[in-house]
């Protein structure tokens, strides 16, 4: 590895999956202004939309979310190309 290109300021950071409230700790250099208390210790907090505990690939559960009729809009848009 090249010397001097990797960060030196690793610290424990809490990552929180907002879809299922799962929290896990890992070392990271990410900057954040929010904090969370885990087991009586305060850690910097990074909020995630999806993680290993909620991703369909890892959970084996498929979830279809149709916000604002996006699927219907797609079908109507491309219905004219259907033969």
N, C-alpha and C. Protein backbone atom coordinates (compact mmCIF):
# COMPACT_ATOMS: atom_id res chain seq x y z
N UNK A 1 0.84 -1.19 0.00
CA UNK A 1 0.00 0.00 0.00
C UNK A 1 0.88 1.25 0.00
N UNK A 2 0.36 2.29 -0.59
CA UNK A 2 1.08 3.56 -0.58
C UNK A 2 0.97 4.18 0.80
N UNK A 3 2.02 4.82 1.23
CA UNK A 3 2.03 5.47 2.53
C UNK A 3 1.48 6.88 2.42
N UNK A 4 0.77 7.32 3.47
CA UNK A 4 0.29 8.70 3.53
C UNK A 4 -1.02 8.98 2.83
N UNK A 5 -1.68 7.97 2.24
CA UNK A 5 -2.94 8.25 1.54
C UNK A 5 -4.16 7.76 2.32
N UNK A 6 -3.94 6.99 3.38
CA UNK A 6 -5.06 6.46 4.15
C UNK A 6 -5.29 7.29 5.40
N UNK A 7 -6.56 7.51 5.77
CA UNK A 7 -6.85 8.34 6.95
C UNK A 7 -6.37 7.67 8.23
N UNK A 8 -6.03 8.50 9.21
CA UNK A 8 -5.54 8.01 10.49
C UNK A 8 -6.57 8.17 11.61
N UNK A 9 -7.65 8.89 11.35
CA UNK A 9 -8.60 9.26 12.41
C UNK A 9 -9.81 8.33 12.49
N UNK A 10 -9.58 7.02 12.50
CA UNK A 10 -10.68 6.07 12.65
C UNK A 10 -11.20 6.12 14.08
N UNK A 11 -12.53 6.00 14.23
CA UNK A 11 -13.16 5.96 15.54
C UNK A 11 -14.43 5.12 15.43
N UNK A 12 -14.98 4.71 16.55
CA UNK A 12 -16.23 3.95 16.55
C UNK A 12 -17.38 4.86 16.18
N UNK A 13 -18.22 4.43 15.25
CA UNK A 13 -19.37 5.20 14.77
C UNK A 13 -20.58 4.27 14.75
N UNK A 14 -21.74 4.81 15.13
CA UNK A 14 -22.99 4.05 15.09
C UNK A 14 -23.71 4.34 13.78
N UNK A 15 -24.12 3.29 13.08
CA UNK A 15 -24.91 3.40 11.86
C UNK A 15 -26.30 2.89 12.18
N UNK A 16 -27.34 3.68 11.85
CA UNK A 16 -28.71 3.32 12.18
C UNK A 16 -29.54 3.19 10.91
N UNK A 17 -30.14 2.01 10.73
CA UNK A 17 -31.04 1.76 9.61
C UNK A 17 -32.39 2.37 9.99
N UNK A 18 -32.83 3.38 9.26
CA UNK A 18 -34.05 4.10 9.61
C UNK A 18 -35.32 3.32 9.26
N UNK A 19 -35.22 2.28 8.43
CA UNK A 19 -36.41 1.52 8.07
C UNK A 19 -36.80 0.51 9.14
N UNK A 20 -35.83 0.04 9.94
CA UNK A 20 -36.18 -0.93 10.99
C UNK A 20 -35.51 -0.64 12.33
N UNK A 21 -34.89 0.52 12.47
CA UNK A 21 -34.29 1.00 13.72
C UNK A 21 -33.12 0.15 14.20
N UNK A 22 -32.50 -0.66 13.33
CA UNK A 22 -31.35 -1.46 13.71
C UNK A 22 -30.12 -0.55 13.81
N UNK A 23 -29.29 -0.74 14.85
CA UNK A 23 -28.08 0.05 15.05
C UNK A 23 -26.90 -0.90 15.12
N UNK A 24 -25.83 -0.57 14.38
CA UNK A 24 -24.60 -1.35 14.50
C UNK A 24 -23.41 -0.41 14.57
N UNK A 25 -22.37 -0.87 15.24
CA UNK A 25 -21.16 -0.07 15.45
C UNK A 25 -20.02 -0.60 14.59
N UNK A 26 -19.24 0.32 14.06
CA UNK A 26 -18.05 -0.04 13.30
C UNK A 26 -17.10 1.15 13.31
N UNK A 27 -15.86 0.89 12.94
CA UNK A 27 -14.89 1.98 12.88
C UNK A 27 -15.05 2.72 11.55
N UNK A 28 -14.98 4.05 11.61
CA UNK A 28 -15.15 4.85 10.41
C UNK A 28 -14.50 6.22 10.60
N UNK A 29 -14.32 6.94 9.50
CA UNK A 29 -13.80 8.30 9.55
C UNK A 29 -14.87 9.31 9.14
N UNK A 30 -16.11 8.87 8.95
CA UNK A 30 -17.19 9.72 8.48
C UNK A 30 -17.44 10.88 9.45
N UNK A 31 -17.72 12.07 8.89
CA UNK A 31 -18.05 13.24 9.70
C UNK A 31 -19.56 13.30 9.90
N UNK A 32 -19.99 13.57 11.12
CA UNK A 32 -21.40 13.68 11.42
C UNK A 32 -21.60 14.60 12.61
N UNK A 33 -22.77 15.24 12.66
CA UNK A 33 -23.08 16.16 13.76
C UNK A 33 -24.00 15.52 14.79
N UNK A 34 -24.65 14.42 14.42
CA UNK A 34 -25.59 13.77 15.32
C UNK A 34 -24.87 12.70 16.15
N UNK A 35 -25.43 12.43 17.33
CA UNK A 35 -24.90 11.38 18.19
C UNK A 35 -26.03 10.50 18.69
N UNK A 36 -25.66 9.32 19.17
CA UNK A 36 -26.63 8.38 19.73
C UNK A 36 -25.94 7.66 20.89
N UNK A 37 -26.73 7.30 21.89
CA UNK A 37 -26.19 6.56 23.03
C UNK A 37 -26.50 5.08 22.85
N UNK A 38 -25.45 4.26 22.88
CA UNK A 38 -25.59 2.81 22.75
C UNK A 38 -24.87 2.18 23.94
N UNK A 39 -25.61 1.43 24.74
CA UNK A 39 -25.07 0.77 25.93
C UNK A 39 -24.36 1.75 26.87
N UNK A 40 -24.92 2.94 27.01
CA UNK A 40 -24.38 3.93 27.93
C UNK A 40 -23.21 4.73 27.40
N UNK A 41 -22.81 4.51 26.15
CA UNK A 41 -21.71 5.23 25.53
C UNK A 41 -22.24 6.03 24.36
N UNK A 42 -21.80 7.28 24.23
CA UNK A 42 -22.27 8.13 23.14
C UNK A 42 -21.33 8.00 21.93
N UNK A 43 -21.95 7.78 20.75
CA UNK A 43 -21.21 7.60 19.50
C UNK A 43 -21.73 8.58 18.45
N UNK A 44 -20.89 8.97 17.48
CA UNK A 44 -21.39 9.72 16.32
C UNK A 44 -22.39 8.84 15.57
N UNK A 45 -23.43 9.46 14.98
CA UNK A 45 -24.51 8.71 14.33
C UNK A 45 -24.56 9.01 12.84
N UNK A 46 -24.68 7.94 12.05
CA UNK A 46 -24.92 8.04 10.61
C UNK A 46 -26.23 7.31 10.33
N UNK A 47 -27.18 7.99 9.70
CA UNK A 47 -28.48 7.39 9.39
C UNK A 47 -28.44 6.78 7.98
N UNK A 48 -28.94 5.55 7.87
CA UNK A 48 -28.97 4.83 6.60
C UNK A 48 -30.41 4.57 6.18
N UNK A 49 -30.67 4.57 4.89
CA UNK A 49 -31.99 4.22 4.37
C UNK A 49 -32.17 2.71 4.34
N UNK A 50 -31.08 1.99 4.08
CA UNK A 50 -31.16 0.54 3.94
C UNK A 50 -29.83 -0.06 4.41
N UNK A 51 -29.89 -1.21 5.03
CA UNK A 51 -28.68 -1.90 5.49
C UNK A 51 -28.87 -3.40 5.30
N UNK A 52 -27.94 -4.17 5.83
CA UNK A 52 -28.00 -5.63 5.69
C UNK A 52 -29.23 -6.22 6.37
N UNK A 53 -29.80 -5.53 7.35
CA UNK A 53 -30.96 -6.06 8.06
C UNK A 53 -32.29 -5.74 7.37
N UNK A 54 -32.26 -4.86 6.36
CA UNK A 54 -33.51 -4.53 5.67
C UNK A 54 -33.44 -4.71 4.16
N UNK A 55 -32.28 -5.00 3.60
CA UNK A 55 -32.14 -5.15 2.15
C UNK A 55 -32.75 -6.49 1.71
N UNK A 56 -33.57 -6.48 0.66
CA UNK A 56 -34.24 -7.71 0.22
C UNK A 56 -33.27 -8.84 -0.14
N UNK A 57 -32.09 -8.54 -0.63
CA UNK A 57 -31.13 -9.58 -0.98
C UNK A 57 -30.72 -10.39 0.25
N UNK A 58 -30.51 -9.70 1.36
CA UNK A 58 -30.06 -10.38 2.58
C UNK A 58 -31.21 -10.96 3.39
N UNK A 59 -32.38 -10.34 3.33
CA UNK A 59 -33.51 -10.82 4.13
C UNK A 59 -34.32 -11.89 3.40
N UNK A 60 -34.24 -11.93 2.08
CA UNK A 60 -35.00 -12.89 1.30
C UNK A 60 -36.45 -12.47 1.12
N UNK A 61 -36.79 -11.28 1.55
CA UNK A 61 -38.16 -10.78 1.42
C UNK A 61 -38.18 -9.64 0.42
N UNK A 62 -39.04 -9.74 -0.56
CA UNK A 62 -39.18 -8.70 -1.55
C UNK A 62 -40.27 -7.75 -1.11
N UNK A 63 -40.00 -6.46 -1.24
CA UNK A 63 -40.97 -5.46 -0.80
C UNK A 63 -41.23 -4.52 -1.97
N UNK A 64 -42.47 -4.41 -2.40
CA UNK A 64 -42.85 -3.54 -3.49
C UNK A 64 -43.49 -2.28 -2.91
N UNK A 65 -42.85 -1.16 -3.17
CA UNK A 65 -43.38 0.12 -2.69
C UNK A 65 -43.78 0.93 -3.91
N UNK A 66 -45.06 1.21 -4.04
CA UNK A 66 -45.57 1.97 -5.16
C UNK A 66 -45.92 3.37 -4.66
N UNK A 67 -44.98 4.27 -4.75
CA UNK A 67 -45.22 5.64 -4.29
C UNK A 67 -45.75 6.47 -5.45
N UNK A 68 -46.88 7.09 -5.25
CA UNK A 68 -47.51 7.99 -6.22
C UNK A 68 -47.81 7.30 -7.54
N UNK A 69 -48.11 5.99 -7.51
CA UNK A 69 -48.50 5.29 -8.71
C UNK A 69 -47.42 5.18 -9.76
N UNK A 70 -46.19 5.04 -9.36
CA UNK A 70 -45.08 5.00 -10.31
C UNK A 70 -45.18 3.82 -11.26
N UNK A 71 -45.65 2.70 -10.78
CA UNK A 71 -45.78 1.53 -11.65
C UNK A 71 -46.87 1.77 -12.69
N UNK A 72 -48.00 2.35 -12.27
CA UNK A 72 -49.07 2.65 -13.22
C UNK A 72 -48.62 3.67 -14.25
N UNK A 73 -47.87 4.67 -13.84
CA UNK A 73 -47.36 5.67 -14.78
C UNK A 73 -46.46 5.01 -15.82
N UNK A 74 -45.61 4.09 -15.36
CA UNK A 74 -44.70 3.38 -16.27
C UNK A 74 -45.49 2.55 -17.28
N UNK A 75 -46.47 1.80 -16.79
CA UNK A 75 -47.27 0.95 -17.67
C UNK A 75 -48.03 1.78 -18.69
N UNK A 76 -48.61 2.90 -18.26
CA UNK A 76 -49.35 3.76 -19.20
C UNK A 76 -48.42 4.38 -20.23
N UNK A 77 -47.24 4.76 -19.80
CA UNK A 77 -46.29 5.42 -20.71
C UNK A 77 -45.84 4.47 -21.83
N UNK A 78 -45.61 3.20 -21.47
CA UNK A 78 -45.10 2.27 -22.45
C UNK A 78 -46.16 1.34 -23.04
N UNK A 79 -47.41 1.57 -22.72
CA UNK A 79 -48.50 0.76 -23.29
C UNK A 79 -48.62 0.97 -24.79
N UNK A 80 -48.27 2.15 -25.28
CA UNK A 80 -48.38 2.43 -26.70
C UNK A 80 -47.39 1.63 -27.55
N UNK A 81 -46.33 1.12 -26.94
CA UNK A 81 -45.34 0.32 -27.67
C UNK A 81 -45.70 -1.16 -27.67
N UNK A 82 -46.69 -1.53 -26.89
CA UNK A 82 -47.11 -2.93 -26.78
C UNK A 82 -47.83 -3.36 -28.05
N UNK A 83 -47.52 -4.51 -28.57
CA UNK A 83 -48.15 -4.97 -29.81
C UNK A 83 -49.17 -6.02 -29.53
